[in-house]
Each structure stands twice: as C-alpha cells, then as structure tokens.
C-alpha cells in the first residue's frame, strides 16, 4: 500500500469541512458535497484494489510454501534412495538442496504476515470510508431537504438577499458538521434510537463486569 493512499484516506476520514467551506462559494455547497462523496468512492476503489493485491500476495506466498514443503519431502525420499544405492554424493546434493529450500520458508512466512497486516489496515480503511460516505450522504440529504424547505418559506416570506445567504450558510454548516468532529444534524427518531442503543450497550458492559467480579470472588 502506497503512503500516498494512506495519507489520502486519512485526510478524507478526518477532514475538517470548515476548511472546504472557507475555500468555496457558498452557492456551490451542494456541488462540493457531491464531489466529496465521489472522492470517497474513488479512494474506496483504490483501497479495494490494494486489498486485492495484498490478498493475492499472501495467497501466492502460502502456495509457494506448500510447494516448497513438498519438494523438501521429495528430496528426503531421494536422499534415502541415493544412500541405498551407495551414492552418498547424490544424497549430499539432495540434502544441500533441502537446506536451501528450508531457508526460504521463514522469508515466505514473513511475506504472509506482512500481507495479513496490510490486509487488516486496508479493511479498516474500507470500513472508515464506507462510514464517511454514509455520513456524507445523510448530510447531503439533510442539506437538500433544508434547501427545499427554505425555498418554500421564501415563497411566503420576503427575505433580503443577505438573509437568504446567511440561512444557506447555516444549513450547510449543520449538514456537514460531522466532518469536523461535531454532532451532525440527525432526525429526532434517529437520536432516540442511538440513545437507546448506547443504553443497551452500557447495560451489557455493566453485566459483563459484574459477572467477571463474581467469577474472581
């Protein structure tokens, strides 16, 4: 996995949306939000490609180890046969080849371990990117719904140009706050469900700790 891809994923997942807002026209907020989602998709495709390479690397190394072990076992049989035929020179050649092959196995094990480590990191990146995309999509939907609602209000209420710009900025800030680490806009129903889920998780944690204390008592 290239360092560039690592830095890119880290930037996308931990990006501060305020930096983006400061460098764009507020009227283009929706366009920028959609482009941000497309960037997540592009980064996700790259991570998946790297994940495929890591998995292939590990699989190839594992297959090579299996083939090497078979060759080592075959050389043992050949060395025994050479001794039976009073050909110690051939037995020595077989054993020398065995030693060379055995030296390759630790290197291949290291390749497999590195591939697994890289695979784990890439899978974490995929999960983070998928989570970020879901957040962005929810924020975009909230922004679009707020924009429609504001347009309906504008038909009934006369606003100055300055008031409309300020309202659009406020809606965009709320819709994209999740990217800056602050609480994002969520519907009341979602907030209630998340609170209930956190309460259940906390109750489970307390019960598990109580059970551990009883076991150690």
Protein backbone atom coordinates (compact mmCIF):
# COMPACT_ATOMS: atom_id res chain seq x y z
CA UNK A 1 0.00 0.00 0.00
CA UNK A 2 1.45 3.33 -1.00
CA UNK A 3 1.99 6.11 1.54
CA UNK A 4 0.07 8.45 -0.76
CA UNK A 5 -3.08 6.32 -0.48
CA UNK A 6 -2.70 6.13 3.30
CA UNK A 7 -2.43 9.91 3.58
CA UNK A 8 -5.39 10.39 1.23
CA UNK A 9 -7.70 8.10 3.21
CA UNK A 10 -6.63 9.73 6.46
CA UNK A 11 -7.37 13.17 5.00
CA UNK A 12 -10.81 12.13 3.76
CA UNK A 13 -11.87 10.49 7.00
CA UNK A 14 -10.57 13.22 9.31
CA UNK A 15 -11.15 16.24 7.05
CA UNK A 16 -12.37 19.45 8.63
CA UNK A 17 -15.22 20.67 6.45
CA UNK A 18 -14.68 24.24 7.65
CA UNK A 19 -11.51 24.31 5.54
CA UNK A 20 -13.57 23.38 2.50
CA UNK A 21 -16.25 25.94 3.29
CA UNK A 22 -13.69 28.71 3.60
CA UNK A 23 -12.36 27.95 0.12
CA UNK A 24 -15.55 27.72 -1.90
CA UNK A 25 -18.55 29.72 -2.93
CA UNK A 26 -21.45 29.11 -0.57
CA UNK A 27 -23.81 28.88 -3.54
CA UNK A 28 -21.88 25.80 -4.74
CA UNK A 29 -22.23 23.91 -1.45
CA UNK A 30 -24.29 21.08 -2.94
CA UNK A 31 -21.85 20.61 -5.82
CA UNK A 32 -18.90 20.45 -3.44
CA UNK A 33 -20.68 17.95 -1.17
CA UNK A 34 -21.43 15.65 -4.12
CA UNK A 35 -17.84 15.88 -5.33
CA UNK A 36 -16.64 14.98 -1.82
CA UNK A 37 -18.76 11.81 -1.99
CA UNK A 38 -17.29 10.98 -5.40
CA UNK A 39 -13.79 11.38 -3.95
CA UNK A 40 -14.69 8.88 -1.24
CA UNK A 41 -15.82 6.47 -3.98
CA UNK A 42 -12.55 6.90 -5.86
CA UNK A 43 -10.50 6.35 -2.71
CA UNK A 44 -12.61 3.29 -1.90
CA UNK A 45 -11.89 1.80 -5.32
CA UNK A 46 -8.16 2.33 -4.83
CA UNK A 47 -8.22 0.74 -1.37
CA UNK A 48 -10.12 -2.26 -2.74
CA UNK A 49 -7.53 -2.66 -5.49
CA UNK A 50 -4.71 -2.57 -2.93
CA UNK A 51 -6.61 -5.04 -0.76
CA UNK A 52 -6.84 -7.43 -3.70
CA UNK A 53 -3.10 -7.16 -4.25
CA UNK A 54 -2.36 -7.84 -0.57
CA UNK A 55 -4.62 -10.89 -0.55
CA UNK A 56 -3.05 -12.20 -3.75
CA UNK A 57 0.44 -11.68 -2.33
CA UNK A 58 -0.40 -13.67 0.79
CA UNK A 59 -2.09 -16.43 -1.20
CA UNK A 60 0.88 -16.73 -3.55
CA UNK A 61 3.36 -16.92 -0.67
CA UNK A 62 1.25 -19.57 1.05
CA UNK A 63 1.06 -21.65 -2.13
CA UNK A 64 4.83 -21.34 -2.56
CA UNK A 65 5.38 -22.61 0.99
CA UNK A 66 3.21 -25.66 0.31
CA UNK A 67 5.10 -26.42 -2.89
CA UNK A 68 8.44 -25.92 -1.11
CA UNK A 69 7.47 -28.34 1.66
CA UNK A 70 6.54 -30.96 -0.93
CA UNK A 71 9.90 -30.51 -2.63
CA UNK A 72 11.70 -30.89 0.72
CA UNK A 73 9.83 -34.11 1.46
CA UNK A 74 10.58 -35.41 -2.03
CA UNK A 75 14.28 -34.64 -1.58
CA UNK A 76 14.30 -36.63 1.66
CA UNK A 77 12.99 -39.66 -0.21
CA UNK A 78 15.58 -39.15 -2.93
CA UNK A 79 18.39 -38.80 -0.41
CA UNK A 80 17.36 -42.08 1.25
CA UNK A 81 17.26 -43.78 -2.14
CA UNK A 82 20.71 -42.44 -3.01
CA UNK A 83 22.13 -43.85 0.23
CA UNK A 84 20.59 -47.23 -0.55
CA UNK A 85 22.34 -47.09 -3.89
CA UNK A 86 25.65 -46.26 -2.21
CA UNK A 87 25.63 -42.83 -3.82
CA UNK A 88 26.47 -40.53 -0.92
CA UNK A 89 27.35 -37.78 -3.38
CA UNK A 90 23.80 -37.71 -4.69
CA UNK A 91 22.39 -37.84 -1.18
CA UNK A 92 24.56 -34.87 -0.20
CA UNK A 93 23.29 -32.92 -3.22
CA UNK A 94 19.67 -33.63 -2.25
CA UNK A 95 20.30 -32.60 1.35
CA UNK A 96 22.04 -29.38 0.24
CA UNK A 97 19.03 -28.52 -1.88
CA UNK A 98 16.80 -29.22 1.12
CA UNK A 99 18.72 -26.72 3.23
CA UNK A 100 18.34 -24.04 0.55
CA UNK A 101 14.60 -24.62 0.32
CA UNK A 102 14.12 -24.64 4.09
CA UNK A 103 15.86 -21.24 4.27
CA UNK A 104 13.15 -19.81 2.00
CA UNK A 105 10.24 -20.75 4.29
CA UNK A 106 10.86 -18.10 7.02
CA UNK A 107 11.06 -15.42 4.33
CA UNK A 108 7.77 -16.58 2.84
CA UNK A 109 6.20 -16.66 6.32
CA UNK A 110 7.27 -13.05 6.73
CA UNK A 111 5.63 -12.15 3.42
CA UNK A 112 2.38 -13.77 4.57
CA UNK A 113 2.50 -11.93 7.91
CA UNK A 114 3.12 -8.59 6.18
CA UNK A 115 0.30 -9.28 3.73
CA UNK A 116 -2.11 -10.03 6.60
CA UNK A 117 -1.09 -6.86 8.41
CA UNK A 118 -1.60 -4.78 5.27
CA UNK A 119 -4.90 -6.51 4.58
CA UNK A 120 -6.12 -5.64 8.09
CA UNK A 121 -5.21 -1.98 7.65
CA UNK A 122 -6.89 -1.80 4.27
CA UNK A 123 -10.06 -3.39 5.63
CA UNK A 124 -10.09 -0.76 8.37
CA UNK A 125 -9.71 1.92 5.70
CA UNK A 126 -12.66 0.49 3.77
CA UNK A 127 -14.83 0.49 6.87
CA UNK A 128 -13.86 4.09 7.64
CA UNK A 129 -14.52 5.23 4.07
CA UNK A 130 -17.87 3.46 3.94
CA UNK A 131 -18.84 5.09 7.21
CA UNK A 132 -17.77 8.51 5.96
CA UNK A 133 -19.77 8.06 2.76
CA UNK A 134 -22.91 7.17 4.71
CA UNK A 135 -22.45 10.29 6.82
CA UNK A 136 -21.90 12.47 3.78
CA UNK A 137 -24.95 11.05 2.02
CA UNK A 138 -27.09 11.71 5.10
CA UNK A 139 -25.71 15.24 5.35
CA UNK A 140 -26.35 15.88 1.66
CA UNK A 141 -29.92 14.66 2.02
CA UNK A 142 -30.42 16.95 5.03
CA UNK A 143 -28.98 19.85 3.06
CA UNK A 144 -31.23 19.20 0.06
CA UNK A 145 -34.31 18.88 2.25
CA UNK A 146 -33.43 22.09 4.08
CA UNK A 147 -32.86 23.87 0.77
CA UNK A 148 -36.30 22.80 -0.46
CA UNK A 149 -37.87 23.90 2.82
CA UNK A 150 -36.12 27.25 2.61
CA UNK A 151 -37.33 27.72 -0.95
CA UNK A 152 -40.90 27.08 0.22
CA UNK A 153 -40.51 29.57 3.04
CA UNK A 154 -39.14 32.13 0.61
CA UNK A 155 -42.38 31.92 -1.39
CA UNK A 156 -44.33 33.11 1.64
CA UNK A 157 -41.84 35.32 3.39
CA UNK A 158 -39.91 38.17 1.84
CA UNK A 159 -36.24 37.89 2.74
CA UNK A 160 -33.39 40.16 1.83
CA UNK A 161 -30.51 38.75 -0.18
CA UNK A 162 -28.30 38.88 2.89
CA UNK A 163 -30.81 36.92 4.99
CA UNK A 164 -31.04 34.15 2.36
CA UNK A 165 -27.26 33.80 2.14
CA UNK A 166 -26.94 33.60 5.92
CA UNK A 167 -29.64 30.93 6.10
CA UNK A 168 -27.97 28.85 3.38
CA UNK A 169 -24.65 29.05 5.20
CA UNK A 170 -26.24 27.94 8.46
CA UNK A 171 -27.94 24.97 6.82
CA UNK A 172 -24.74 23.84 5.11
CA UNK A 173 -22.76 24.16 8.36
CA UNK A 174 -25.28 21.99 10.17
CA UNK A 175 -25.41 19.45 7.37
CA UNK A 176 -21.65 18.98 7.25
CA UNK A 177 -20.62 19.26 10.91
CA UNK A 178 -19.93 15.55 11.17
CA UNK A 179 -16.78 16.02 9.06
CA UNK A 180 -15.38 18.41 11.65
CA UNK A 181 -15.98 16.05 14.56
CA UNK A 182 -19.02 17.89 15.88
CA UNK A 183 -22.50 16.48 16.19
CA UNK A 184 -24.25 16.24 12.82
CA UNK A 185 -27.86 17.03 12.09
CA UNK A 186 -30.00 13.97 12.81
CA UNK A 187 -33.72 13.41 12.89
CA UNK A 188 -35.34 13.07 16.36
CA UNK A 189 -36.17 9.42 15.68
CA UNK A 190 -32.54 8.62 14.92
CA UNK A 191 -31.33 10.37 18.05
CA UNK A 192 -33.75 8.36 20.21
CA UNK A 193 -32.66 5.07 18.62
CA UNK A 194 -28.96 5.87 19.06
CA UNK A 195 -29.56 6.80 22.71
CA UNK A 196 -31.43 3.53 23.28
CA UNK A 197 -28.60 1.57 21.61
CA UNK A 198 -26.00 3.26 23.82
CA UNK A 199 -28.08 2.46 26.91
CA UNK A 200 -28.31 -1.22 25.94
CA UNK A 201 -24.55 -1.37 25.29
CA UNK A 202 -23.84 0.23 28.67
CA UNK A 203 -26.14 -2.22 30.45
CA UNK A 204 -24.39 -5.14 28.75
CA UNK A 205 -20.97 -3.78 29.78
CA UNK A 206 -22.10 -3.48 33.42
CA UNK A 207 -23.50 -7.03 33.39
CA UNK A 208 -20.25 -8.42 31.93
CA UNK A 209 -18.14 -6.68 34.57
CA UNK A 210 -20.43 -7.94 37.34
CA UNK A 211 -20.10 -11.49 36.02
CA UNK A 212 -16.29 -11.16 35.96
CA UNK A 213 -16.27 -9.94 39.57
CA UNK A 214 -18.41 -12.88 40.67
CA UNK A 215 -16.04 -15.33 38.94
CA UNK A 216 -12.98 -13.85 40.65
CA UNK A 217 -14.66 -13.63 44.07
